[in-house]
Amino acid sequence: MKRTTKDIFYKDETEKLAKYAKALAHPTRIKILNYLDSKSCCFTGDIVDIFPLAQSTISQHLKELKIAGLIQGELKPPKIKYCINDDNWKEAQVLFRNFFNKNIIDEND
């Protein structure tokens, strides 16, 4: 395969979809999102009580979901309250739906 030094440019939607897909690439993160989606909000300790994982592991998963923008955290010392980021959650649903319906596939992407 011939390699190129040219930059590859992707549509904004493609990059966002990849960001959300990366965040969803671990089963624990999917379970955390399902849990948060069933609640209005909760604290880190609530999630730690549900999952048989170390608090540091849960915090790392929450961090990845927050970086992707799927959740948001509000500092309530000494705790952090987490909720689904509704705008990004809806955007991710649309992007995945379009992807699986083949609406955003482009030969240039």
PDB file of N, CA and C in Angstrom:
ATOM      1  N   MET A   1       0.841  -1.163   0.000  1.00  0.00           N
ATOM      2  CA  MET A   1       0.000   0.000   0.000  1.00  0.00           C
ATOM      3  C   MET A   1       0.895   1.238   0.000  1.00  0.00           C
ATOM      4  N   LYS A   2       0.564   2.167  -0.836  1.00  0.00           N
ATOM      5  CA  LYS A   2       1.327   3.394  -0.935  1.00  0.00           C
ATOM      6  C   LYS A   2       0.954   4.334   0.215  1.00  0.00           C
ATOM      7  N   ARG A   3       1.963   4.822   0.892  1.00  0.00           N
ATOM      8  CA  ARG A   3       1.742   5.758   1.992  1.00  0.00           C
ATOM      9  C   ARG A   3       1.825   7.178   1.471  1.00  0.00           C
ATOM     10  N   THR A   4       1.164   8.060   2.187  1.00  0.00           N
ATOM     11  CA  THR A   4       1.145   9.459   1.792  1.00  0.00           C
ATOM     12  C   THR A   4       1.524  10.339   2.973  1.00  0.00           C
ATOM     13  N   THR A   5       2.043  11.479   2.691  1.00  0.00           N
ATOM     14  CA  THR A   5       2.358  12.438   3.750  1.00  0.00           C
ATOM     15  C   THR A   5       1.275  13.494   3.869  1.00  0.00           C
ATOM     16  N   LYS A   6       0.247  13.354   3.066  1.00  0.00           N
ATOM     17  CA  LYS A   6      -0.855  14.313   3.118  1.00  0.00           C
ATOM     18  C   LYS A   6      -1.678  14.107   4.388  1.00  0.00           C
ATOM     19  N   ASP A   7      -2.181  15.210   4.914  1.00  0.00           N
ATOM     20  CA  ASP A   7      -3.070  15.127   6.064  1.00  0.00           C
ATOM     21  C   ASP A   7      -4.406  14.555   5.616  1.00  0.00           C
ATOM     22  N   ILE A   8      -5.008  13.798   6.508  1.00  0.00           N
ATOM     23  CA  ILE A   8      -6.335  13.253   6.235  1.00  0.00           C
ATOM     24  C   ILE A   8      -7.334  14.105   7.005  1.00  0.00           C
ATOM     25  N   PHE A   9      -8.307  14.615   6.302  1.00  0.00           N
ATOM     26  CA  PHE A   9      -9.323  15.446   6.926  1.00  0.00           C
ATOM     27  C   PHE A   9     -10.635  14.672   6.977  1.00  0.00           C
ATOM     28  N   TYR A  10     -11.280  14.733   8.125  1.00  0.00           N
ATOM     29  CA  TYR A  10     -12.548  14.045   8.328  1.00  0.00           C
ATOM     30  C   TYR A  10     -13.640  15.065   8.598  1.00  0.00           C
ATOM     31  N   LYS A  11     -14.843  14.674   8.263  1.00  0.00           N
ATOM     32  CA  LYS A  11     -15.993  15.510   8.601  1.00  0.00           C
ATOM     33  C   LYS A  11     -16.095  15.618  10.117  1.00  0.00           C
ATOM     34  N   ASP A  12     -16.651  16.726  10.575  1.00  0.00           N
ATOM     35  CA  ASP A  12     -16.856  16.938  12.005  1.00  0.00           C
ATOM     36  C   ASP A  12     -17.693  15.802  12.600  1.00  0.00           C
ATOM     37  N   GLU A  13     -18.707  15.366  11.873  1.00  0.00           N
ATOM     38  CA  GLU A  13     -19.575  14.287  12.351  1.00  0.00           C
ATOM     39  C   GLU A  13     -18.795  12.994  12.531  1.00  0.00           C
ATOM     40  N   THR A  14     -17.859  12.730  11.622  1.00  0.00           N
ATOM     41  CA  THR A  14     -17.060  11.500  11.697  1.00  0.00           C
ATOM     42  C   THR A  14     -16.163  11.538  12.930  1.00  0.00           C
ATOM     43  N   GLU A  15     -15.550  12.675  13.200  1.00  0.00           N
ATOM     44  CA  GLU A  15     -14.689  12.789  14.373  1.00  0.00           C
ATOM     45  C   GLU A  15     -15.486  12.686  15.672  1.00  0.00           C
ATOM     46  N   LYS A  16     -16.665  13.286  15.698  1.00  0.00           N
ATOM     47  CA  LYS A  16     -17.510  13.185  16.891  1.00  0.00           C
ATOM     48  C   LYS A  16     -17.961  11.747  17.112  1.00  0.00           C
ATOM     49  N   LEU A  17     -18.356  11.078  16.051  1.00  0.00           N
ATOM     50  CA  LEU A  17     -18.785   9.688  16.157  1.00  0.00           C
ATOM     51  C   LEU A  17     -17.655   8.831  16.710  1.00  0.00           C
ATOM     52  N   ALA A  18     -16.439   9.030  16.229  1.00  0.00           N
ATOM     53  CA  ALA A  18     -15.287   8.270  16.711  1.00  0.00           C
ATOM     54  C   ALA A  18     -15.033   8.549  18.196  1.00  0.00           C
ATOM     55  N   LYS A  19     -15.189   9.805  18.614  1.00  0.00           N
ATOM     56  CA  LYS A  19     -14.991  10.176  20.022  1.00  0.00           C
ATOM     57  C   LYS A  19     -16.003   9.464  20.911  1.00  0.00           C
ATOM     58  N   TYR A  20     -17.264   9.461  20.485  1.00  0.00           N
ATOM     59  CA  TYR A  20     -18.295   8.789  21.272  1.00  0.00           C
ATOM     60  C   TYR A  20     -18.092   7.271  21.265  1.00  0.00           C
ATOM     61  N   ALA A  21     -17.707   6.729  20.114  1.00  0.00           N
ATOM     62  CA  ALA A  21     -17.482   5.281  20.017  1.00  0.00           C
ATOM     63  C   ALA A  21     -16.346   4.848  20.940  1.00  0.00           C
ATOM     64  N   LYS A  22     -15.294   5.637  21.000  1.00  0.00           N
ATOM     65  CA  LYS A  22     -14.167   5.324  21.884  1.00  0.00           C
ATOM     66  C   LYS A  22     -14.624   5.292  23.344  1.00  0.00           C
ATOM     67  N   ALA A  23     -15.453   6.253  23.721  1.00  0.00           N
ATOM     68  CA  ALA A  23     -15.950   6.295  25.095  1.00  0.00           C
ATOM     69  C   ALA A  23     -16.839   5.099  25.412  1.00  0.00           C
ATOM     70  N   LEU A  24     -17.521   4.584  24.410  1.00  0.00           N
ATOM     71  CA  LEU A  24     -18.421   3.448  24.608  1.00  0.00           C
ATOM     72  C   LEU A  24     -17.731   2.101  24.414  1.00  0.00           C
ATOM     73  N   ALA A  25     -16.427   2.120  24.211  1.00  0.00           N
ATOM     74  CA  ALA A  25     -15.693   0.906  23.862  1.00  0.00           C
ATOM     75  C   ALA A  25     -15.381   0.000  25.057  1.00  0.00           C
ATOM     76  N   HIS A  26     -15.928   0.295  26.207  1.00  0.00           N
ATOM     77  CA  HIS A  26     -15.718  -0.565  27.373  1.00  0.00           C
ATOM     78  C   HIS A  26     -17.076  -0.885  27.994  1.00  0.00           C
ATOM     79  N   PRO A  27     -17.327  -2.159  28.294  1.00  0.00           N
ATOM     80  CA  PRO A  27     -18.645  -2.538  28.822  1.00  0.00           C
ATOM     81  C   PRO A  27     -19.017  -1.837  30.134  1.00  0.00           C
ATOM     82  N   THR A  28     -18.036  -1.544  30.971  1.00  0.00           N
ATOM     83  CA  THR A  28     -18.344  -0.849  32.224  1.00  0.00           C
ATOM     84  C   THR A  28     -18.871   0.549  31.950  1.00  0.00           C
ATOM     85  N   ARG A  29     -18.325   1.210  30.960  1.00  0.00           N
ATOM     86  CA  ARG A  29     -18.800   2.564  30.632  1.00  0.00           C
ATOM     87  C   ARG A  29     -20.237   2.522  30.119  1.00  0.00           C
ATOM     88  N   ILE A  30     -20.560   1.508  29.365  1.00  0.00           N
ATOM     89  CA  ILE A  30     -21.937   1.361  28.878  1.00  0.00           C
ATOM     90  C   ILE A  30     -22.882   1.145  30.062  1.00  0.00           C
ATOM     91  N   LYS A  31     -22.455   0.313  31.009  1.00  0.00           N
ATOM     92  CA  LYS A  31     -23.296   0.077  32.193  1.00  0.00           C
ATOM     93  C   LYS A  31     -23.438   1.354  33.023  1.00  0.00           C
ATOM     94  N   ILE A  32     -22.357   2.122  33.141  1.00  0.00           N
ATOM     95  CA  ILE A  32     -22.432   3.383  33.873  1.00  0.00           C
ATOM     96  C   ILE A  32     -23.411   4.334  33.188  1.00  0.00           C
ATOM     97  N   LEU A  33     -23.335   4.431  31.871  1.00  0.00           N
ATOM     98  CA  LEU A  33     -24.262   5.296  31.134  1.00  0.00           C
ATOM     99  C   LEU A  33     -25.706   4.830  31.306  1.00  0.00           C
ATOM    100  N   ASN A  34     -25.930   3.531  31.254  1.00  0.00           N
ATOM    101  CA  ASN A  34     -27.286   3.010  31.474  1.00  0.00           C
ATOM    102  C   ASN A  34     -27.790   3.368  32.861  1.00  0.00           C
ATOM    103  N   TYR A  35     -26.904   3.261  33.845  1.00  0.00           N
ATOM    104  CA  TYR A  35     -27.285   3.603  35.210  1.00  0.00           C
ATOM    105  C   TYR A  35     -27.605   5.096  35.323  1.00  0.00           C
ATOM    106  N   LEU A  36     -26.717   5.934  34.794  1.00  0.00           N
ATOM    107  CA  LEU A  36     -26.952   7.381  34.857  1.00  0.00           C
ATOM    108  C   LEU A  36     -28.204   7.786  34.090  1.00  0.00           C
ATOM    109  N   ASP A  37     -28.472   7.090  32.992  1.00  0.00           N
ATOM    110  CA  ASP A  37     -29.662   7.400  32.204  1.00  0.00           C
ATOM    111  C   ASP A  37     -30.942   7.069  32.967  1.00  0.00           C
ATOM    112  N   SER A  38     -30.857   6.122  33.901  1.00  0.00           N
ATOM    113  CA  SER A  38     -32.037   5.748  34.688  1.00  0.00           C
ATOM    114  C   SER A  38     -32.235   6.653  35.902  1.00  0.00           C
ATOM    115  N   LYS A  39     -31.236   7.477  36.210  1.00  0.00           N
ATOM    116  CA  LYS A  39     -31.294   8.407  37.343  1.00  0.00           C
ATOM    117  C   LYS A  39     -31.205   9.824  36.795  1.00  0.00           C
ATOM    118  N   SER A  40     -31.610  10.776  37.589  1.00  0.00           N
ATOM    119  CA  SER A  40     -31.409  12.156  37.134  1.00  0.00           C
ATOM    120  C   SER A  40     -29.939  12.518  37.289  1.00  0.00           C
ATOM    121  N   CYS A  41     -29.352  12.162  38.405  1.00  0.00           N
ATOM    122  CA  CYS A  41     -27.931  12.396  38.685  1.00  0.00           C
ATOM    123  C   CYS A  41     -27.542  11.478  39.835  1.00  0.00           C
ATOM    124  N   CYS A  42     -26.246  11.297  40.035  1.00  0.00           N
ATOM    125  CA  CYS A  42     -25.781  10.550  41.193  1.00  0.00           C
ATOM    126  C   CYS A  42     -24.332  10.910  41.488  1.00  0.00           C
ATOM    127  N   PHE A  43     -23.868  10.522  42.658  1.00  0.00           N
ATOM    128  CA  PHE A  43     -22.508  10.778  43.073  1.00  0.00           C
ATOM    129  C   PHE A  43     -21.623   9.584  42.751  1.00  0.00           C
ATOM    130  N   THR A  44     -20.328   9.832  42.685  1.00  0.00           N
ATOM    131  CA  THR A  44     -19.369   8.768  42.387  1.00  0.00           C
ATOM    132  C   THR A  44     -19.564   7.588  43.329  1.00  0.00           C
ATOM    133  N   GLY A  45     -19.747   7.869  44.610  1.00  0.00           N
ATOM    134  CA  GLY A  45     -19.922   6.802  45.602  1.00  0.00           C
ATOM    135  C   GLY A  45     -21.106   5.908  45.306  1.00  0.00           C
ATOM    136  N   ASP A  46     -22.174   6.474  44.736  1.00  0.00           N
ATOM    137  CA  ASP A  46     -23.348   5.673  44.374  1.00  0.00           C
ATOM    138  C   ASP A  46     -22.983   4.647  43.313  1.00  0.00           C
ATOM    139  N   ILE A  47     -22.175   5.075  42.358  1.00  0.00           N
ATOM    140  CA  ILE A  47     -21.761   4.182  41.270  1.00  0.00           C
ATOM    141  C   ILE A  47     -20.802   3.124  41.806  1.00  0.00           C
ATOM    142  N   VAL A  48     -19.898   3.522  42.690  1.00  0.00           N
ATOM    143  CA  VAL A  48     -18.942   2.580  43.280  1.00  0.00           C
ATOM    144  C   VAL A  48     -19.681   1.501  44.065  1.00  0.00           C
ATOM    145  N   ASP A  49     -20.787   1.868  44.721  1.00  0.00           N
ATOM    146  CA  ASP A  49     -21.564   0.894  45.490  1.00  0.00           C
ATOM    147  C   ASP A  49     -22.234  -0.144  44.606  1.00  0.00           C
ATOM    148  N   ILE A  50     -22.495   0.190  43.348  1.00  0.00           N
ATOM    149  CA  ILE A  50     -23.208  -0.707  42.440  1.00  0.00           C
ATOM    150  C   ILE A  50     -22.270  -1.654  41.706  1.00  0.00           C
ATOM    151  N   PHE A  51     -21.099  -1.154  41.321  1.00  0.00           N
ATOM    152  CA  PHE A  51     -20.158  -1.944  40.531  1.00  0.00           C
ATOM    153  C   PHE A  51     -19.061  -2.523  41.419  1.00  0.00           C
ATOM    154  N   PRO A  52     -18.708  -3.777  41.205  1.00  0.00           N
ATOM    155  CA  PRO A  52     -17.670  -4.409  42.031  1.00  0.00           C
ATOM    156  C   PRO A  52     -16.258  -4.045  41.551  1.00  0.00           C
ATOM    157  N   LEU A  53     -16.006  -2.752  41.444  1.00  0.00           N
ATOM    158  CA  LEU A  53     -14.716  -2.267  40.973  1.00  0.00           C
ATOM    159  C   LEU A  53     -14.182  -1.240  41.966  1.00  0.00           C
ATOM    160  N   ALA A  54     -12.879  -1.045  41.944  1.00  0.00           N
ATOM    161  CA  ALA A  54     -12.261  -0.059  42.816  1.00  0.00           C
ATOM    162  C   ALA A  54     -12.755   1.339  42.454  1.00  0.00           C
ATOM    163  N   GLN A  55     -12.772   2.211  43.438  1.00  0.00           N
ATOM    164  CA  GLN A  55     -13.217   3.579  43.220  1.00  0.00           C
ATOM    165  C   GLN A  55     -12.351   4.262  42.168  1.00  0.00           C
ATOM    166  N   SER A  56     -11.059   3.963  42.162  1.00  0.00           N
ATOM    167  CA  SER A  56     -10.168   4.582  41.175  1.00  0.00           C
ATOM    168  C   SER A  56     -10.500   4.118  39.759  1.00  0.00           C
ATOM    169  N   THR A  57     -10.917   2.878  39.615  1.00  0.00           N
ATOM    170  CA  THR A  57     -11.309   2.352  38.300  1.00  0.00           C
ATOM    171  C   THR A  57     -12.584   3.027  37.816  1.00  0.00           C
ATOM    172  N   ILE A  58     -13.555   3.149  38.705  1.00  0.00           N
ATOM    173  CA  ILE A  58     -14.804   3.847  38.357  1.00  0.00           C
ATOM    174  C   ILE A  58     -14.501   5.293  37.982  1.00  0.00           C
ATOM    175  N   SER A  59     -13.635   5.948  38.731  1.00  0.00           N
ATOM    176  CA  SER A  59     -13.286   7.338  38.439  1.00  0.00           C
ATOM    177  C   SER A  59     -12.644   7.468  37.063  1.00  0.00           C
ATOM    178  N   GLN A  60     -11.813   6.508  36.692  1.00  0.00           N
ATOM    179  CA  GLN A  60     -11.178   6.549  35.366  1.00  0.00           C
ATOM    180  C   GLN A  60     -12.225   6.400  34.262  1.00  0.00           C
ATOM    181  N   HIS A  61     -13.181   5.509  34.457  1.00  0.00           N
ATOM    182  CA  HIS A  61     -14.251   5.345  33.460  1.00  0.00           C
ATOM    183  C   HIS A  61     -15.099   6.618  33.371  1.00  0.00           C
ATOM    184  N   LEU A  62     -15.408   7.215  34.509  1.00  0.00           N
ATOM    185  CA  LEU A  62     -16.172   8.465  34.513  1.00  0.00           C
ATOM    186  C   LEU A  62     -15.392   9.570  33.800  1.00  0.00           C
ATOM    187  N   LYS A  63     -14.088   9.593  34.014  1.00  0.00           N
ATOM    188  CA  LYS A  63     -13.249  10.592  33.351  1.00  0.00           C
ATOM    189  C   LYS A  63     -13.319  10.447  31.838  1.00  0.00           C
ATOM    190  N   GLU A  64     -13.242   9.222  31.335  1.00  0.00           N
ATOM    191  CA  GLU A  64     -13.309   8.989  29.882  1.00  0.00           C
ATOM    192  C   GLU A  64     -14.665   9.412  29.317  1.00  0.00           C
ATOM    193  N   LEU A  65     -15.729   9.111  30.034  1.00  0.00           N
ATOM    194  CA  LEU A  65     -17.065   9.515  29.582  1.00  0.00           C
ATOM    195  C   LEU A  65     -17.211  11.034  29.603  1.00  0.00           C
ATOM    196  N   LYS A  66     -16.593  11.672  30.588  1.00  0.00           N
ATOM    197  CA  LYS A  66     -16.654  13.128  30.679  1.00  0.00           C
ATOM    198  C   LYS A  66     -15.835  13.773  29.565  1.00  0.00           C
ATOM    199  N   ILE A  67     -14.649  13.243  29.284  1.00  0.00           N
ATOM    200  CA  ILE A  67     -13.810  13.771  28.199  1.00  0.00           C
ATOM    201  C   ILE A  67     -14.570  13.712  26.870  1.00  0.00           C
ATOM    202  N   ALA A  68     -15.297  12.624  26.659  1.00  0.00           N
ATOM    203  CA  ALA A  68     -16.071  12.477  25.427  1.00  0.00           C
ATOM    204  C   ALA A  68     -17.295  13.385  25.415  1.00  0.00           C
ATOM    205  N   GLY A  69     -17.649  13.929  26.568  1.00  0.00           N
ATOM    206  CA  GLY A  69     -18.794  14.824  26.640  1.00  0.00           C
ATOM    207  C   GLY A  69     -20.124  14.130  26.850  1.00  0.00           C
ATOM    208  N   LEU A  70     -20.098  12.823  27.129  1.00  0.00           N
ATOM    209  CA  LEU A  70     -21.354  12.100  27.317  1.00  0.00           C
ATOM    210  C   LEU A  70     -21.952  12.318  28.706  1.00  0.00           C
ATOM    211  N   ILE A  71     -21.094  12.669  29.668  1.00  0.00           N
ATOM    212  CA  ILE A  71     -21.584  12.990  31.007  1.00  0.00           C
ATOM    213  C   ILE A  71     -20.971  14.317  31.437  1.00  0.00           C
ATOM    214  N   GLN A  72     -21.537  14.868  32.471  1.00  0.00           N
ATOM    215  CA  GLN A  72     -20.986  16.093  33.054  1.00  0.00           C
ATOM    216  C   GLN A  72     -20.929  15.908  34.560  1.00  0.00           C
ATOM    217  N   GLY A  73     -19.931  16.507  35.164  1.00  0.00           N
ATOM    218  CA  GLY A  73     -19.760  16.400  36.598  1.00  0.00           C
ATOM    219  C   GLY A  73     -19.831  17.768  37.242  1.00  0.00           C
ATOM    220  N   GLU A  74     -20.454  17.793  38.398  1.00  0.00           N
ATOM    221  CA  GLU A  74     -20.566  19.030  39.157  1.00  0.00           C
ATOM    222  C   GLU A  74     -19.920  18.793  40.512  1.00  0.00           C
ATOM    223  N   LEU A  75     -18.922  19.590  40.827  1.00  0.00           N
ATOM    224  CA  LEU A  75     -18.189  19.438  42.081  1.00  0.00           C
ATOM    225  C   LEU A  75     -19.043  19.902  43.250  1.00  0.00           C
ATOM    226  N   LYS A  76     -19.285  18.985  44.159  1.00  0.00           N
ATOM    227  CA  LYS A  76     -20.005  19.274  45.410  1.00  0.00           C
ATOM    228  C   LYS A  76     -19.119  18.734  46.527  1.00  0.00           C
ATOM    229  N   PRO A  77     -18.068  19.510  46.891  1.00  0.00           N
ATOM    230  CA  PRO A  77     -17.046  18.996  47.812  1.00  0.00           C
ATOM    231  C   PRO A  77     -17.645  18.255  48.995  1.00  0.00           C
ATOM    232  N   PRO A  78     -17.097  17.105  49.344  1.00  0.00           N
ATOM    233  CA  PRO A  78     -15.946  16.434  48.735  1.00  0.00           C
ATOM    234  C   PRO A  78     -16.348  15.445  47.641  1.00  0.00           C
ATOM    235  N   LYS A  79     -17.533  15.583  47.102  1.00  0.00           N
ATOM    236  CA  LYS A  79     -18.038  14.624  46.109  1.00  0.00           C
ATOM    237  C   LYS A  79     -18.207  15.284  44.747  1.00  0.00           C
ATOM    238  N   ILE A  80     -18.398  14.439  43.730  1.00  0.00           N
ATOM    239  CA  ILE A  80     -18.728  14.927  42.394  1.00  0.00           C
ATOM    240  C   ILE A  80     -20.046  14.285  41.984  1.00  0.00           C
ATOM    241  N   LYS A  81     -20.970  15.114  41.556  1.00  0.00           N
ATOM    242  CA  LYS A  81     -22.278  14.634  41.101  1.00  0.00           C
ATOM    243  C   LYS A  81     -22.235  14.524  39.582  1.00  0.00           C
ATOM    244  N   TYR A  82     -22.597  13.361  39.053  1.00  0.00           N
ATOM    245  CA  TYR A  82     -22.564  13.110  37.608  1.00  0.00           C
ATOM    246  C   TYR A  82     -23.967  12.965  37.039  1.00  0.00           C
ATOM    247  N   CYS A  83     -24.121  13.473  35.814  1.00  0.00           N
ATOM    248  CA  CYS A  83     -25.375  13.374  35.068  1.00  0.00           C
ATOM    249  C   CYS A  83     -25.036  13.139  33.600  1.00  0.00           C
ATOM    250  N   ILE A  84     -26.007  12.624  32.878  1.00  0.00           N
ATOM    251  CA  ILE A  84     -25.880  12.530  31.423  1.00  0.00           C
ATOM    252  C   ILE A  84     -25.866  13.958  30.866  1.00  0.00           C
ATOM    253  N   ASN A  85     -24.991  14.227  29.915  1.00  0.00           N
ATOM    254  CA  ASN A  85     -25.007  15.508  29.195  1.00  0.00           C
ATOM    255  C   ASN A  85     -26.057  15.345  28.090  1.00  0.00           C
ATOM    256  N   ASP A  86     -27.247  15.854  28.330  1.00  0.00           N
ATOM    257  CA  ASP A  86     -28.383  15.607  27.434  1.00  0.00           C
ATOM    258  C   ASP A  86     -28.121  16.004  25.986  1.00  0.00           C
ATOM    259  N   ASP A  87     -27.503  17.154  25.776  1.00  0.00           N
ATOM    260  CA  ASP A  87     -27.259  17.604  24.399  1.00  0.00           C
ATOM    261  C   ASP A  87     -26.330  16.642  23.653  1.00  0.00           C
ATOM    262  N   ASN A  88     -25.223  16.281  24.281  1.00  0.00           N
ATOM    263  CA  ASN A  88     -24.277  15.377  23.625  1.00  0.00           C
ATOM    264  C   ASN A  88     -24.810  13.955  23.527  1.00  0.00           C
ATOM    265  N   TRP A  89     -25.601  13.536  24.505  1.00  0.00           N
ATOM    266  CA  TRP A  89     -26.217  12.212  24.489  1.00  0.00           C
ATOM    267  C   TRP A  89     -27.150  12.093  23.279  1.00  0.00           C
ATOM    268  N   LYS A  90     -27.948  13.125  23.060  1.00  0.00           N
ATOM    269  CA  LYS A  90     -28.852  13.131  21.903  1.00  0.00           C
ATOM    270  C   LYS A  90     -28.064  13.191  20.598  1.00  0.00           C
ATOM    271  N   GLU A  91     -27.002  14.010  20.586  1.00  0.00           N
ATOM    272  CA  GLU A  91     -26.163  14.095  19.392  1.00  0.00           C
ATOM    273  C   GLU A  91     -25.535  12.737  19.071  1.00  0.00           C
ATOM    274  N   ALA A  92     -25.031  12.048  20.087  1.00  0.00           N
ATOM    275  CA  ALA A  92     -24.420  10.730  19.876  1.00  0.00           C
ATOM    276  C   ALA A  92     -25.448   9.752  19.320  1.00  0.00           C
ATOM    277  N   GLN A  93     -26.662   9.789  19.844  1.00  0.00           N
ATOM    278  CA  GLN A  93     -27.711   8.889  19.352  1.00  0.00           C
ATOM    279  C   GLN A  93     -27.990   9.136  17.869  1.00  0.00           C
ATOM    280  N   VAL A  94     -28.076  10.400  17.485  1.00  0.00           N
ATOM    281  CA  VAL A  94     -28.324  10.745  16.081  1.00  0.00           C
ATOM    282  C   VAL A  94     -27.163  10.292  15.200  1.00  0.00           C
ATOM    283  N   LEU A  95     -25.933  10.557  15.644  1.00  0.00           N
ATOM    284  CA  LEU A  95     -24.767  10.169  14.842  1.00  0.00           C
ATOM    285  C   LEU A  95     -24.685   8.657  14.659  1.00  0.00           C
ATOM    286  N   PHE A  96     -24.915   7.906  15.729  1.00  0.00           N
ATOM    287  CA  PHE A  96     -24.889   6.445  15.598  1.00  0.00           C
ATOM    288  C   PHE A  96     -26.036   5.948  14.728  1.00  0.00           C
ATOM    289  N   ARG A  97     -27.212   6.527  14.900  1.00  0.00           N
ATOM    290  CA  ARG A  97     -28.363   6.123  14.081  1.00  0.00           C
ATOM    291  C   ARG A  97     -28.067   6.379  12.603  1.00  0.00           C
ATOM    292  N   ASN A  98     -27.530   7.551  12.303  1.00  0.00           N
ATOM    293  CA  ASN A  98     -27.189   7.870  10.921  1.00  0.00           C
ATOM    294  C   ASN A  98     -26.102   6.938  10.387  1.00  0.00           C
ATOM    295  N   PHE A  99     -25.120   6.660  11.209  1.00  0.00           N
ATOM    296  CA  PHE A  99     -24.038   5.769  10.794  1.00  0.00           C
ATOM    297  C   PHE A  99     -24.586   4.386  10.440  1.00  0.00           C
ATOM    298  N   PHE A 100     -25.406   3.850  11.323  1.00  0.00           N
ATOM    299  CA  PHE A 100     -25.939   2.513  11.072  1.00  0.00           C
ATOM    300  C   PHE A 100     -26.986   2.492   9.962  1.00  0.00           C
ATOM    301  N   ASN A 101     -27.552   3.644   9.669  1.00  0.00           N
ATOM    302  CA  ASN A 101     -28.472   3.745   8.541  1.00  0.00           C
ATOM    303  C   ASN A 101     -27.756   4.165   7.266  1.00  0.00           C
ATOM    304  N   LYS A 102     -26.439   4.263   7.331  1.00  0.00           N
ATOM    305  CA  LYS A 102     -25.582   4.568   6.185  1.00  0.00           C
ATOM    306  C   LYS A 102     -25.799   5.974   5.625  1.00  0.00           C
ATOM    307  N   ASN A 103     -26.219   6.909   6.466  1.00  0.00           N
ATOM    308  CA  ASN A 103     -26.477   8.273   5.993  1.00  0.00           C
ATOM    309  C   ASN A 103     -25.260   9.180   6.009  1.00  0.00           C
ATOM    310  N   ILE A 104     -24.211   8.817   6.752  1.00  0.00           N
ATOM    311  CA  ILE A 104     -23.047   9.720   6.784  1.00  0.00           C
ATOM    312  C   ILE A 104     -21.829   9.119   6.113  1.00  0.00           C
ATOM    313  N   ILE A 105     -21.953   7.930   5.579  1.00  0.00           N
ATOM    314  CA  ILE A 105     -20.812   7.337   4.902  1.00  0.00           C
ATOM    315  C   ILE A 105     -20.562   8.091   3.606  1.00  0.00           C
ATOM    316  N   ASP A 106     -19.338   8.486   3.440  1.00  0.00           N
ATOM    317  CA  ASP A 106     -18.941   9.286   2.297  1.00  0.00           C
ATOM    318  C   ASP A 106     -17.634   8.708   1.769  1.00  0.00           C
ATOM    319  N   GLU A 107     -17.506   8.595   0.486  1.00  0.00           N
ATOM    320  CA  GLU A 107     -16.284   8.044  -0.088  1.00  0.00           C
ATOM    321  C   GLU A 107     -15.061   8.853   0.305  1.00  0.00           C
ATOM    322  N   ASN A 108     -15.236  10.123   0.630  1.00  0.00           N
ATOM    323  CA  ASN A 108     -14.129  10.972   1.004  1.00  0.00           C
ATOM    324  C   ASN A 108     -13.771  10.862   2.477  1.00  0.00           C
ATOM    325  N   ASP A 109     -14.541  10.128   3.259  1.00  0.00           N
ATOM    326  CA  ASP A 109     -14.267   9.958   4.698  1.00  0.00           C
ATOM    327  C   ASP A 109     -13.543   8.718   4.957  1.00  0.00           C
TER     328      ASP A 109
END
